[in-house]
Amino acid sequence: MSLFDISIETVQGTDTTVQEYKTKAMIIVNTASKCGFTPQFDGLQHLYEKYKDDGLQILGFPSNQFMNQEPGSSTDAEEYCRLNYGVTFPMFAKTDVRGKTAHPLFQHLTKEAPGIISDQIKWNFTKFLIDADGNVVKRYAPKTQPEEMEKDIIELLQK
């Protein structure tokens, strides 16, 4: 199964696929609004604004699997991101990203880009950089700031 075949749920509850967001480069990130890494929304939004016209897409997937840091609804999560960080890139329904209930998207991502100690996503704001063919190019730790990804993004956008 290709990354582009995987069904994902929008905040509004409708199904779509990642194919709809296929571009030259894509970042898929699991998020939470009450996490110490939440200010990374600023950096992600900056990258999106700077490179969206060149083919960058960012997809955010709120998850409540880490210390109840996304306790509200999917709509609450999206609204928080828009109001507090000006996020304009697509946010999706709350999603399990690890364990037996992990969404097929995150099962695919972690299989393609295993972590250092474990394949499991360890925390919010784990970021995956994907090329236009749907290949996971690189996995970034939660502590990696979005601006640290810029060089890799530029390389993909130039292909």
C-alpha atoms as a PDB file:
ATOM      1  CA  MET A   1       0.000   0.000   0.000  1.00  0.00           C
ATOM      2  CA  SER A   2       1.246   3.450  -0.923  1.00  0.00           C
ATOM      3  CA  LEU A   3       1.166   6.393   1.460  1.00  0.00           C
ATOM      4  CA  PHE A   4      -1.211   8.054  -0.990  1.00  0.00           C
ATOM      5  CA  ASP A   5      -3.773   5.232  -0.660  1.00  0.00           C
ATOM      6  CA  ILE A   6      -4.217   5.648   3.094  1.00  0.00           C
ATOM      7  CA  SER A   7      -7.555   7.068   4.193  1.00  0.00           C
ATOM      8  CA  ILE A   8      -7.462   9.981   6.655  1.00  0.00           C
ATOM      9  CA  GLU A   9     -10.289  11.791   8.430  1.00  0.00           C
ATOM     10  CA  THR A  10     -10.784  15.536   8.232  1.00  0.00           C
ATOM     11  CA  VAL A  11     -11.756  17.628  11.246  1.00  0.00           C
ATOM     12  CA  GLN A  12     -15.267  17.698   9.785  1.00  0.00           C
ATOM     13  CA  GLY A  13     -15.417  13.886   9.873  1.00  0.00           C
ATOM     14  CA  THR A  14     -15.166  13.150   6.157  1.00  0.00           C
ATOM     15  CA  ASP A  15     -12.701  10.681   4.689  1.00  0.00           C
ATOM     16  CA  THR A  16     -10.039  11.656   2.202  1.00  0.00           C
ATOM     17  CA  THR A  17      -6.579  10.361   1.312  1.00  0.00           C
ATOM     18  CA  VAL A  18      -3.092  11.803   1.476  1.00  0.00           C
ATOM     19  CA  GLN A  19      -3.183  11.777  -2.360  1.00  0.00           C
ATOM     20  CA  GLU A  20      -5.199  14.998  -2.204  1.00  0.00           C
ATOM     21  CA  TYR A  21      -2.175  16.712  -0.630  1.00  0.00           C
ATOM     22  CA  LYS A  22       0.527  15.240  -2.877  1.00  0.00           C
ATOM     23  CA  THR A  23       3.144  17.875  -3.649  1.00  0.00           C
ATOM     24  CA  LYS A  24       6.895  18.137  -4.072  1.00  0.00           C
ATOM     25  CA  ALA A  25       7.464  17.847  -0.330  1.00  0.00           C
ATOM     26  CA  MET A  26       5.217  17.105   2.599  1.00  0.00           C
ATOM     27  CA  ILE A  27       5.594  17.247   6.364  1.00  0.00           C
ATOM     28  CA  ILE A  28       3.296  15.058   8.448  1.00  0.00           C
ATOM     29  CA  VAL A  29       3.357  15.875  12.150  1.00  0.00           C
ATOM     30  CA  ASN A  30       1.482  14.642  15.214  1.00  0.00           C
ATOM     31  CA  THR A  31       0.486  17.605  17.357  1.00  0.00           C
ATOM     32  CA  ALA A  32      -0.972  18.600  20.724  1.00  0.00           C
ATOM     33  CA  SER A  33      -2.130  21.986  21.947  1.00  0.00           C
ATOM     34  CA  LYS A  34      -1.025  21.585  25.560  1.00  0.00           C
ATOM     35  CA  CYS A  35       2.524  20.336  25.017  1.00  0.00           C
ATOM     36  CA  GLY A  36       5.849  21.991  25.696  1.00  0.00           C
ATOM     37  CA  PHE A  37       6.550  21.692  21.965  1.00  0.00           C
ATOM     38  CA  THR A  38       3.300  23.435  20.945  1.00  0.00           C
ATOM     39  CA  PRO A  39       5.160  26.676  20.066  1.00  0.00           C
ATOM     40  CA  GLN A  40       6.561  24.718  17.082  1.00  0.00           C
ATOM     41  CA  PHE A  41       3.299  25.615  15.347  1.00  0.00           C
ATOM     42  CA  ASP A  42       4.895  29.030  14.754  1.00  0.00           C
ATOM     43  CA  GLY A  43       7.855  27.480  12.941  1.00  0.00           C
ATOM     44  CA  LEU A  44       5.709  25.044  10.981  1.00  0.00           C
ATOM     45  CA  GLN A  45       3.400  27.853   9.871  1.00  0.00           C
ATOM     46  CA  HIS A  46       6.414  29.957   8.860  1.00  0.00           C
ATOM     47  CA  LEU A  47       7.767  27.099   6.700  1.00  0.00           C
ATOM     48  CA  TYR A  48       4.334  26.604   5.175  1.00  0.00           C
ATOM     49  CA  GLU A  49       3.943  30.266   4.273  1.00  0.00           C
ATOM     50  CA  LYS A  50       7.472  30.467   2.904  1.00  0.00           C
ATOM     51  CA  TYR A  51       7.361  27.324   0.728  1.00  0.00           C
ATOM     52  CA  LYS A  52       3.725  26.428  -0.009  1.00  0.00           C
ATOM     53  CA  ASP A  53       3.867  28.113  -3.416  1.00  0.00           C
ATOM     54  CA  ASP A  54       6.942  25.998  -4.209  1.00  0.00           C
ATOM     55  CA  GLY A  55       5.122  22.765  -3.391  1.00  0.00           C
ATOM     56  CA  LEU A  56       5.390  22.242   0.383  1.00  0.00           C
ATOM     57  CA  GLN A  57       2.385  20.819   2.193  1.00  0.00           C
ATOM     58  CA  ILE A  58       2.105  20.332   5.958  1.00  0.00           C
ATOM     59  CA  LEU A  59      -0.485  18.024   7.498  1.00  0.00           C
ATOM     60  CA  GLY A  60      -1.179  18.176  11.241  1.00  0.00           C
ATOM     61  CA  PHE A  61      -2.686  15.290  13.193  1.00  0.00           C
ATOM     62  CA  PRO A  62      -3.658  16.062  16.786  1.00  0.00           C
ATOM     63  CA  SER A  63      -3.176  13.171  19.203  1.00  0.00           C
ATOM     64  CA  ASN A  64      -4.139  12.734  22.830  1.00  0.00           C
ATOM     65  CA  GLN A  65      -1.862   9.751  23.457  1.00  0.00           C
ATOM     66  CA  PHE A  66       0.766  11.642  25.432  1.00  0.00           C
ATOM     67  CA  MET A  67      -0.265  12.754  28.922  1.00  0.00           C
ATOM     68  CA  ASN A  68      -3.711  14.022  27.831  1.00  0.00           C
ATOM     69  CA  GLN A  69      -2.167  16.993  26.003  1.00  0.00           C
ATOM     70  CA  GLU A  70      -4.964  17.181  23.420  1.00  0.00           C
ATOM     71  CA  PRO A  71      -8.078  16.632  25.566  1.00  0.00           C
ATOM     72  CA  GLY A  72     -10.695  18.452  23.459  1.00  0.00           C
ATOM     73  CA  SER A  73     -12.343  17.533  20.183  1.00  0.00           C
ATOM     74  CA  SER A  74     -10.712  17.645  16.763  1.00  0.00           C
ATOM     75  CA  THR A  75     -12.523  20.925  16.148  1.00  0.00           C
ATOM     76  CA  ASP A  76     -11.167  22.333  19.436  1.00  0.00           C
ATOM     77  CA  ALA A  77      -7.623  21.386  18.400  1.00  0.00           C
ATOM     78  CA  GLU A  78      -7.958  22.988  14.976  1.00  0.00           C
ATOM     79  CA  GLU A  79      -9.491  26.156  16.415  1.00  0.00           C
ATOM     80  CA  TYR A  80      -6.739  26.462  19.020  1.00  0.00           C
ATOM     81  CA  CYS A  81      -4.047  26.214  16.323  1.00  0.00           C
ATOM     82  CA  ARG A  82      -5.726  28.780  14.100  1.00  0.00           C
ATOM     83  CA  LEU A  83      -6.461  31.293  16.890  1.00  0.00           C
ATOM     84  CA  ASN A  84      -3.196  31.012  18.829  1.00  0.00           C
ATOM     85  CA  TYR A  85      -0.666  30.286  16.069  1.00  0.00           C
ATOM     86  CA  GLY A  86      -2.358  31.416  12.859  1.00  0.00           C
ATOM     87  CA  VAL A  87      -2.128  27.913  11.398  1.00  0.00           C
ATOM     88  CA  THR A  88      -3.445  27.749   7.835  1.00  0.00           C
ATOM     89  CA  PHE A  89      -2.120  24.324   6.835  1.00  0.00           C
ATOM     90  CA  PRO A  90      -4.598  21.419   7.041  1.00  0.00           C
ATOM     91  CA  MET A  91      -5.324  19.886  10.428  1.00  0.00           C
ATOM     92  CA  PHE A  92      -7.083  16.535  10.688  1.00  0.00           C
ATOM     93  CA  ALA A  93      -9.178  14.549  13.145  1.00  0.00           C
ATOM     94  CA  LYS A  94      -7.573  13.449  16.399  1.00  0.00           C
ATOM     95  CA  THR A  95      -5.567  10.357  15.630  1.00  0.00           C
ATOM     96  CA  ASP A  96      -3.809   7.605  17.539  1.00  0.00           C
ATOM     97  CA  VAL A  97      -0.182   7.592  16.428  1.00  0.00           C
ATOM     98  CA  ARG A  98       1.285   4.712  18.438  1.00  0.00           C
ATOM     99  CA  GLY A  99       0.494   1.324  19.862  1.00  0.00           C
ATOM    100  CA  LYS A 100      -2.097  -1.218  18.750  1.00  0.00           C
ATOM    101  CA  THR A 101      -4.585   1.517  17.851  1.00  0.00           C
ATOM    102  CA  ALA A 102      -2.151   3.535  15.726  1.00  0.00           C
ATOM    103  CA  HIS A 103      -3.724   4.886  12.557  1.00  0.00           C
ATOM    104  CA  PRO A 104      -2.509   3.130   9.359  1.00  0.00           C
ATOM    105  CA  LEU A 105      -0.857   6.409   8.271  1.00  0.00           C
ATOM    106  CA  PHE A 106       1.380   6.431  11.325  1.00  0.00           C
ATOM    107  CA  GLN A 107       1.968   2.689  11.099  1.00  0.00           C
ATOM    108  CA  HIS A 108       3.246   3.309   7.567  1.00  0.00           C
ATOM    109  CA  LEU A 109       5.375   6.312   8.547  1.00  0.00           C
ATOM    110  CA  THR A 110       7.053   4.554  11.473  1.00  0.00           C
ATOM    111  CA  LYS A 111       7.698   1.440   9.383  1.00  0.00           C
ATOM    112  CA  GLU A 112       9.342   3.548   6.659  1.00  0.00           C
ATOM    113  CA  ALA A 113      11.319   5.713   9.117  1.00  0.00           C
ATOM    114  CA  PRO A 114      11.934   3.819  12.344  1.00  0.00           C
ATOM    115  CA  GLY A 115      13.103   5.678  15.405  1.00  0.00           C
ATOM    116  CA  ILE A 116      16.515   5.300  16.983  1.00  0.00           C
ATOM    117  CA  ILE A 117      15.521   3.158  19.967  1.00  0.00           C
ATOM    118  CA  SER A 118      12.025   2.124  18.892  1.00  0.00           C
ATOM    119  CA  ASP A 119       9.782   2.464  15.862  1.00  0.00           C
ATOM    120  CA  GLN A 120       7.077   3.951  18.080  1.00  0.00           C
ATOM    121  CA  ILE A 121       6.427   7.676  18.108  1.00  0.00           C
ATOM    122  CA  LYS A 122       7.757   8.815  21.452  1.00  0.00           C
ATOM    123  CA  TRP A 123       6.037  12.191  21.817  1.00  0.00           C
ATOM    124  CA  ASN A 124       4.079  14.993  20.188  1.00  0.00           C
ATOM    125  CA  PHE A 125       5.623  16.869  17.261  1.00  0.00           C
ATOM    126  CA  THR A 126       7.430  13.936  15.686  1.00  0.00           C
ATOM    127  CA  LYS A 127       7.794  15.116  12.106  1.00  0.00           C
ATOM    128  CA  PHE A 128       8.114  13.134   8.875  1.00  0.00           C
ATOM    129  CA  LEU A 129       9.417  14.644   5.643  1.00  0.00           C
ATOM    130  CA  ILE A 130       8.016  12.981   2.529  1.00  0.00           C
ATOM    131  CA  ASP A 131       8.960  13.386  -1.127  1.00  0.00           C
ATOM    132  CA  ALA A 132       6.619  13.783  -4.107  1.00  0.00           C
ATOM    133  CA  ASP A 133       6.572  10.017  -4.662  1.00  0.00           C
ATOM    134  CA  GLY A 134       5.343   9.357  -1.121  1.00  0.00           C
ATOM    135  CA  ASN A 135       8.676   8.133   0.231  1.00  0.00           C
ATOM    136  CA  VAL A 136       9.554   9.041   3.798  1.00  0.00           C
ATOM    137  CA  VAL A 137      12.837  10.883   3.430  1.00  0.00           C
ATOM    138  CA  LYS A 138      13.526  11.666   7.070  1.00  0.00           C
ATOM    139  CA  ARG A 139      12.063  11.462  10.553  1.00  0.00           C
ATOM    140  CA  TYR A 140      12.649  14.316  12.998  1.00  0.00           C
ATOM    141  CA  ALA A 141      12.493  14.109  16.773  1.00  0.00           C
ATOM    142  CA  PRO A 142       9.937  16.169  18.702  1.00  0.00           C
ATOM    143  CA  LYS A 143      12.673  18.499  19.928  1.00  0.00           C
ATOM    144  CA  THR A 144      13.823  19.281  16.365  1.00  0.00           C
ATOM    145  CA  GLN A 145      12.694  22.801  15.575  1.00  0.00           C
ATOM    146  CA  PRO A 146      10.929  23.250  12.222  1.00  0.00           C
ATOM    147  CA  GLU A 147      13.574  25.696  10.976  1.00  0.00           C
ATOM    148  CA  GLU A 148      16.167  22.918  11.358  1.00  0.00           C
ATOM    149  CA  MET A 149      14.300  21.043   8.612  1.00  0.00           C
ATOM    150  CA  GLU A 150      14.555  23.860   6.079  1.00  0.00           C
ATOM    151  CA  LYS A 151      17.680  22.640   4.251  1.00  0.00           C
ATOM    152  CA  ASP A 152      16.097  19.209   3.664  1.00  0.00           C
ATOM    153  CA  ILE A 153      12.838  20.814   2.513  1.00  0.00           C
ATOM    154  CA  ILE A 154      14.658  23.016  -0.006  1.00  0.00           C
ATOM    155  CA  GLU A 155      16.456  19.964  -1.436  1.00  0.00           C
ATOM    156  CA  LEU A 156      13.142  18.172  -2.030  1.00  0.00           C
ATOM    157  CA  LEU A 157      11.482  21.217  -3.538  1.00  0.00           C
ATOM    158  CA  GLN A 158      14.321  21.573  -6.057  1.00  0.00           C
ATOM    159  CA  LYS A 159      13.842  18.040  -7.404  1.00  0.00           C
END
